[in-house]
């Protein structure tokens, strides 16, 4: 009986690890104008593999390159999408030297926003229209939302190196 119970516990542990790995490889994409936006034909948010390519919008409590301060609908953040540094997945804009994040993997979107001094906008920011109309015509497209399972980095250094970001 103990052997059967141990086997069941071990199996459940393995299945839990598989579920965690699957969850870590996907996150939600949302219409850039919010899922209630008629611009996306009311496309509902969906889970997407982090290796797929979607647009990105970046948000921060502080201003960053070409960001707009969002104050409607109770918003207090800055949002933006345009950069002046080219990297993979970016497309050109109508202004020479400016680029839009139209086709990024989740990791590329994280790096893109980090380089601007921001993070990928959260689902709440996108759905609250706190990132809407912040450039690159992404109101009509699916964009990445910040994965709530990814902890934000600490404000202060930790005593020693850690394998994952600490909160």
C-alpha atoms as a PDB file:
ATOM      1  CA  UNK A   1       0.000   0.000   0.000  1.00  0.00           C
ATOM      2  CA  UNK A   2       2.861   2.404   0.862  1.00  0.00           C
ATOM      3  CA  UNK A   3       4.493   1.670  -2.511  1.00  0.00           C
ATOM      4  CA  UNK A   4       1.262   2.478  -4.378  1.00  0.00           C
ATOM      5  CA  UNK A   5       0.815   5.704  -2.418  1.00  0.00           C
ATOM      6  CA  UNK A   6       4.441   6.706  -3.076  1.00  0.00           C
ATOM      7  CA  UNK A   7       3.995   5.998  -6.797  1.00  0.00           C
ATOM      8  CA  UNK A   8       0.822   8.095  -6.930  1.00  0.00           C
ATOM      9  CA  UNK A   9       2.536  11.001  -5.144  1.00  0.00           C
ATOM     10  CA  UNK A  10       5.532  10.778  -7.489  1.00  0.00           C
ATOM     11  CA  UNK A  11       3.227  10.727 -10.535  1.00  0.00           C
ATOM     12  CA  UNK A  12       1.296  13.750  -9.272  1.00  0.00           C
ATOM     13  CA  UNK A  13       4.557  15.606  -8.676  1.00  0.00           C
ATOM     14  CA  UNK A  14       5.714  14.910 -12.246  1.00  0.00           C
ATOM     15  CA  UNK A  15       2.333  15.966 -13.684  1.00  0.00           C
ATOM     16  CA  UNK A  16       2.419  19.159 -11.631  1.00  0.00           C
ATOM     17  CA  UNK A  17       5.906  19.936 -12.983  1.00  0.00           C
ATOM     18  CA  UNK A  18       4.682  19.359 -16.539  1.00  0.00           C
ATOM     19  CA  UNK A  19       1.709  21.685 -15.970  1.00  0.00           C
ATOM     20  CA  UNK A  20       4.071  24.322 -14.540  1.00  0.00           C
ATOM     21  CA  UNK A  21       6.393  24.011 -17.527  1.00  0.00           C
ATOM     22  CA  UNK A  22       3.441  24.362 -19.918  1.00  0.00           C
ATOM     23  CA  UNK A  23       2.174  27.418 -18.035  1.00  0.00           C
ATOM     24  CA  UNK A  24       5.625  28.991 -18.140  1.00  0.00           C
ATOM     25  CA  UNK A  25       5.794  28.576 -21.932  1.00  0.00           C
ATOM     26  CA  UNK A  26       2.530  30.454 -22.586  1.00  0.00           C
ATOM     27  CA  UNK A  27       1.038  33.793 -21.674  1.00  0.00           C
ATOM     28  CA  UNK A  28      -1.933  35.898 -22.695  1.00  0.00           C
ATOM     29  CA  UNK A  29      -2.172  38.066 -25.801  1.00  0.00           C
ATOM     30  CA  UNK A  30      -4.838  40.760 -25.907  1.00  0.00           C
ATOM     31  CA  UNK A  31      -6.170  43.153 -28.522  1.00  0.00           C
ATOM     32  CA  UNK A  32      -4.046  46.317 -28.287  1.00  0.00           C
ATOM     33  CA  UNK A  33      -7.194  48.417 -27.950  1.00  0.00           C
ATOM     34  CA  UNK A  34      -8.541  46.138 -25.201  1.00  0.00           C
ATOM     35  CA  UNK A  35     -10.680  43.052 -25.819  1.00  0.00           C
ATOM     36  CA  UNK A  36     -13.858  45.157 -25.815  1.00  0.00           C
ATOM     37  CA  UNK A  37     -12.443  47.292 -28.634  1.00  0.00           C
ATOM     38  CA  UNK A  38     -14.405  47.104 -31.869  1.00  0.00           C
ATOM     39  CA  UNK A  39     -11.088  47.573 -33.661  1.00  0.00           C
ATOM     40  CA  UNK A  40     -10.180  43.922 -33.076  1.00  0.00           C
ATOM     41  CA  UNK A  41     -13.648  42.709 -33.893  1.00  0.00           C
ATOM     42  CA  UNK A  42     -14.026  41.997 -30.172  1.00  0.00           C
ATOM     43  CA  UNK A  43     -11.356  39.279 -30.329  1.00  0.00           C
ATOM     44  CA  UNK A  44     -11.146  37.719 -26.886  1.00  0.00           C
ATOM     45  CA  UNK A  45      -7.805  37.422 -25.094  1.00  0.00           C
ATOM     46  CA  UNK A  46      -6.102  34.084 -25.733  1.00  0.00           C
ATOM     47  CA  UNK A  47      -3.164  32.080 -24.477  1.00  0.00           C
ATOM     48  CA  UNK A  48      -0.181  32.002 -26.842  1.00  0.00           C
ATOM     49  CA  UNK A  49       3.124  30.163 -26.891  1.00  0.00           C
ATOM     50  CA  UNK A  50       5.903  32.572 -25.911  1.00  0.00           C
ATOM     51  CA  UNK A  51       7.793  31.669 -29.098  1.00  0.00           C
ATOM     52  CA  UNK A  52       4.970  33.003 -31.304  1.00  0.00           C
ATOM     53  CA  UNK A  53       5.268  36.555 -32.599  1.00  0.00           C
ATOM     54  CA  UNK A  54       2.991  39.435 -31.611  1.00  0.00           C
ATOM     55  CA  UNK A  55       3.228  43.167 -31.089  1.00  0.00           C
ATOM     56  CA  UNK A  56       4.263  44.729 -27.786  1.00  0.00           C
ATOM     57  CA  UNK A  57       3.318  47.792 -25.795  1.00  0.00           C
ATOM     58  CA  UNK A  58       5.419  48.965 -22.881  1.00  0.00           C
ATOM     59  CA  UNK A  59       4.207  50.562 -19.636  1.00  0.00           C
ATOM     60  CA  UNK A  60       5.905  52.255 -16.700  1.00  0.00           C
ATOM     61  CA  UNK A  61       5.018  54.539 -13.799  1.00  0.00           C
ATOM     62  CA  UNK A  62       7.766  56.875 -15.128  1.00  0.00           C
ATOM     63  CA  UNK A  63       8.300  58.517 -18.530  1.00  0.00           C
ATOM     64  CA  UNK A  64      10.480  56.734 -21.101  1.00  0.00           C
ATOM     65  CA  UNK A  65      11.453  57.307 -24.751  1.00  0.00           C
ATOM     66  CA  UNK A  66       8.484  58.604 -26.751  1.00  0.00           C
ATOM     67  CA  UNK A  67       5.980  57.466 -24.091  1.00  0.00           C
ATOM     68  CA  UNK A  68       2.646  59.124 -23.403  1.00  0.00           C
ATOM     69  CA  UNK A  69       1.239  59.821 -19.943  1.00  0.00           C
ATOM     70  CA  UNK A  70      -2.123  58.031 -19.764  1.00  0.00           C
ATOM     71  CA  UNK A  71      -4.627  59.727 -17.445  1.00  0.00           C
ATOM     72  CA  UNK A  72      -8.071  58.747 -18.842  1.00  0.00           C
ATOM     73  CA  UNK A  73     -10.100  55.876 -17.359  1.00  0.00           C
ATOM     74  CA  UNK A  74      -8.240  56.166 -14.036  1.00  0.00           C
ATOM     75  CA  UNK A  75      -4.852  55.437 -15.643  1.00  0.00           C
ATOM     76  CA  UNK A  76      -1.690  56.908 -14.138  1.00  0.00           C
ATOM     77  CA  UNK A  77       1.010  55.149 -16.190  1.00  0.00           C
ATOM     78  CA  UNK A  78       3.151  55.981 -19.195  1.00  0.00           C
ATOM     79  CA  UNK A  79       2.772  53.829 -22.301  1.00  0.00           C
ATOM     80  CA  UNK A  80       4.707  53.607 -25.541  1.00  0.00           C
ATOM     81  CA  UNK A  81       5.814  51.391 -28.376  1.00  0.00           C
ATOM     82  CA  UNK A  82       8.282  53.337 -30.476  1.00  0.00           C
ATOM     83  CA  UNK A  83      12.071  53.082 -30.254  1.00  0.00           C
ATOM     84  CA  UNK A  84      14.991  54.622 -32.087  1.00  0.00           C
ATOM     85  CA  UNK A  85      17.176  51.494 -31.771  1.00  0.00           C
ATOM     86  CA  UNK A  86      16.629  48.745 -34.328  1.00  0.00           C
ATOM     87  CA  UNK A  87      16.546  45.067 -33.357  1.00  0.00           C
ATOM     88  CA  UNK A  88      14.971  41.860 -34.696  1.00  0.00           C
ATOM     89  CA  UNK A  89      11.185  41.870 -34.942  1.00  0.00           C
ATOM     90  CA  UNK A  90      10.900  45.632 -35.334  1.00  0.00           C
ATOM     91  CA  UNK A  91       9.395  47.316 -38.377  1.00  0.00           C
ATOM     92  CA  UNK A  92      10.020  50.800 -39.708  1.00  0.00           C
ATOM     93  CA  UNK A  93       7.622  53.685 -39.116  1.00  0.00           C
ATOM     94  CA  UNK A  94       6.780  56.589 -41.380  1.00  0.00           C
ATOM     95  CA  UNK A  95       9.519  58.548 -39.592  1.00  0.00           C
ATOM     96  CA  UNK A  96      13.100  57.637 -40.470  1.00  0.00           C
ATOM     97  CA  UNK A  97      15.034  56.167 -37.555  1.00  0.00           C
ATOM     98  CA  UNK A  98      11.988  55.071 -35.531  1.00  0.00           C
ATOM     99  CA  UNK A  99      10.842  51.452 -35.198  1.00  0.00           C
ATOM    100  CA  UNK A 100       7.750  49.566 -34.037  1.00  0.00           C
ATOM    101  CA  UNK A 101       7.560  46.202 -32.191  1.00  0.00           C
ATOM    102  CA  UNK A 102       5.182  44.419 -34.564  1.00  0.00           C
ATOM    103  CA  UNK A 103       6.559  40.875 -34.492  1.00  0.00           C
ATOM    104  CA  UNK A 104       8.337  39.849 -31.282  1.00  0.00           C
ATOM    105  CA  UNK A 105       8.537  36.690 -29.212  1.00  0.00           C
ATOM    106  CA  UNK A 106       7.686  37.167 -25.540  1.00  0.00           C
ATOM    107  CA  UNK A 107      11.395  37.247 -24.586  1.00  0.00           C
ATOM    108  CA  UNK A 108      12.114  39.806 -27.328  1.00  0.00           C
ATOM    109  CA  UNK A 109       9.172  41.915 -26.098  1.00  0.00           C
ATOM    110  CA  UNK A 110      10.514  41.781 -22.523  1.00  0.00           C
ATOM    111  CA  UNK A 111      13.948  42.921 -23.741  1.00  0.00           C
ATOM    112  CA  UNK A 112      12.434  45.593 -25.977  1.00  0.00           C
ATOM    113  CA  UNK A 113      10.453  47.116 -23.093  1.00  0.00           C
ATOM    114  CA  UNK A 114      13.342  46.728 -20.644  1.00  0.00           C
ATOM    115  CA  UNK A 115      15.621  48.642 -23.025  1.00  0.00           C
ATOM    116  CA  UNK A 116      13.083  51.475 -22.926  1.00  0.00           C
ATOM    117  CA  UNK A 117      13.054  51.437 -19.113  1.00  0.00           C
ATOM    118  CA  UNK A 118       9.590  49.839 -18.936  1.00  0.00           C
ATOM    119  CA  UNK A 119       7.855  46.441 -18.818  1.00  0.00           C
ATOM    120  CA  UNK A 120       5.344  44.747 -21.084  1.00  0.00           C
ATOM    121  CA  UNK A 121       1.944  46.236 -20.213  1.00  0.00           C
ATOM    122  CA  UNK A 122      -0.165  44.138 -17.859  1.00  0.00           C
ATOM    123  CA  UNK A 123      -3.536  42.688 -18.806  1.00  0.00           C
ATOM    124  CA  UNK A 124      -5.175  45.269 -16.496  1.00  0.00           C
ATOM    125  CA  UNK A 125      -3.352  48.160 -18.220  1.00  0.00           C
ATOM    126  CA  UNK A 126      -4.335  46.905 -21.670  1.00  0.00           C
ATOM    127  CA  UNK A 127      -7.947  46.112 -20.765  1.00  0.00           C
ATOM    128  CA  UNK A 128      -8.226  49.436 -18.886  1.00  0.00           C
ATOM    129  CA  UNK A 129      -7.139  51.208 -22.079  1.00  0.00           C
ATOM    130  CA  UNK A 130      -4.073  52.538 -20.267  1.00  0.00           C
ATOM    131  CA  UNK A 131      -1.874  51.490 -23.221  1.00  0.00           C
ATOM    132  CA  UNK A 132      -4.292  52.300 -26.051  1.00  0.00           C
ATOM    133  CA  UNK A 133      -3.213  54.659 -28.834  1.00  0.00           C
ATOM    134  CA  UNK A 134       0.432  54.644 -27.742  1.00  0.00           C
ATOM    135  CA  UNK A 135       1.815  54.192 -31.244  1.00  0.00           C
ATOM    136  CA  UNK A 136       2.454  51.737 -34.071  1.00  0.00           C
ATOM    137  CA  UNK A 137      -1.220  51.030 -34.907  1.00  0.00           C
ATOM    138  CA  UNK A 138      -1.378  48.132 -32.440  1.00  0.00           C
ATOM    139  CA  UNK A 139      -4.958  48.896 -31.331  1.00  0.00           C
ATOM    140  CA  UNK A 140      -6.054  46.483 -34.071  1.00  0.00           C
ATOM    141  CA  UNK A 141      -3.630  43.651 -33.274  1.00  0.00           C
ATOM    142  CA  UNK A 142      -2.963  41.092 -30.569  1.00  0.00           C
ATOM    143  CA  UNK A 143      -0.160  42.212 -28.253  1.00  0.00           C
ATOM    144  CA  UNK A 144       1.680  40.479 -25.412  1.00  0.00           C
ATOM    145  CA  UNK A 145       0.529  41.060 -21.839  1.00  0.00           C
ATOM    146  CA  UNK A 146       2.925  40.840 -18.909  1.00  0.00           C
ATOM    147  CA  UNK A 147       3.077  37.289 -17.592  1.00  0.00           C
ATOM    148  CA  UNK A 148       1.888  37.555 -13.974  1.00  0.00           C
ATOM    149  CA  UNK A 149       4.057  34.547 -13.060  1.00  0.00           C
ATOM    150  CA  UNK A 150       7.230  36.460 -13.926  1.00  0.00           C
ATOM    151  CA  UNK A 151       8.310  38.217 -10.714  1.00  0.00           C
ATOM    152  CA  UNK A 152       9.419  41.800 -10.995  1.00  0.00           C
ATOM    153  CA  UNK A 153      13.081  42.428 -10.163  1.00  0.00           C
ATOM    154  CA  UNK A 154      13.873  43.719  -6.685  1.00  0.00           C
ATOM    155  CA  UNK A 155      14.596  47.403  -6.153  1.00  0.00           C
ATOM    156  CA  UNK A 156      17.729  46.546  -4.164  1.00  0.00           C
ATOM    157  CA  UNK A 157      20.406  43.960  -4.874  1.00  0.00           C
ATOM    158  CA  UNK A 158      20.134  40.653  -3.034  1.00  0.00           C
ATOM    159  CA  UNK A 159      22.893  39.368  -0.758  1.00  0.00           C
ATOM    160  CA  UNK A 160      24.000  36.879  -3.395  1.00  0.00           C
ATOM    161  CA  UNK A 161      23.148  35.692  -6.885  1.00  0.00           C
ATOM    162  CA  UNK A 162      19.827  33.926  -7.398  1.00  0.00           C
ATOM    163  CA  UNK A 163      18.731  31.560 -10.161  1.00  0.00           C
ATOM    164  CA  UNK A 164      15.525  33.533 -10.724  1.00  0.00           C
ATOM    165  CA  UNK A 165      14.537  37.153 -10.091  1.00  0.00           C
ATOM    166  CA  UNK A 166      13.578  37.840  -6.476  1.00  0.00           C
ATOM    167  CA  UNK A 167      10.640  39.851  -5.280  1.00  0.00           C
END
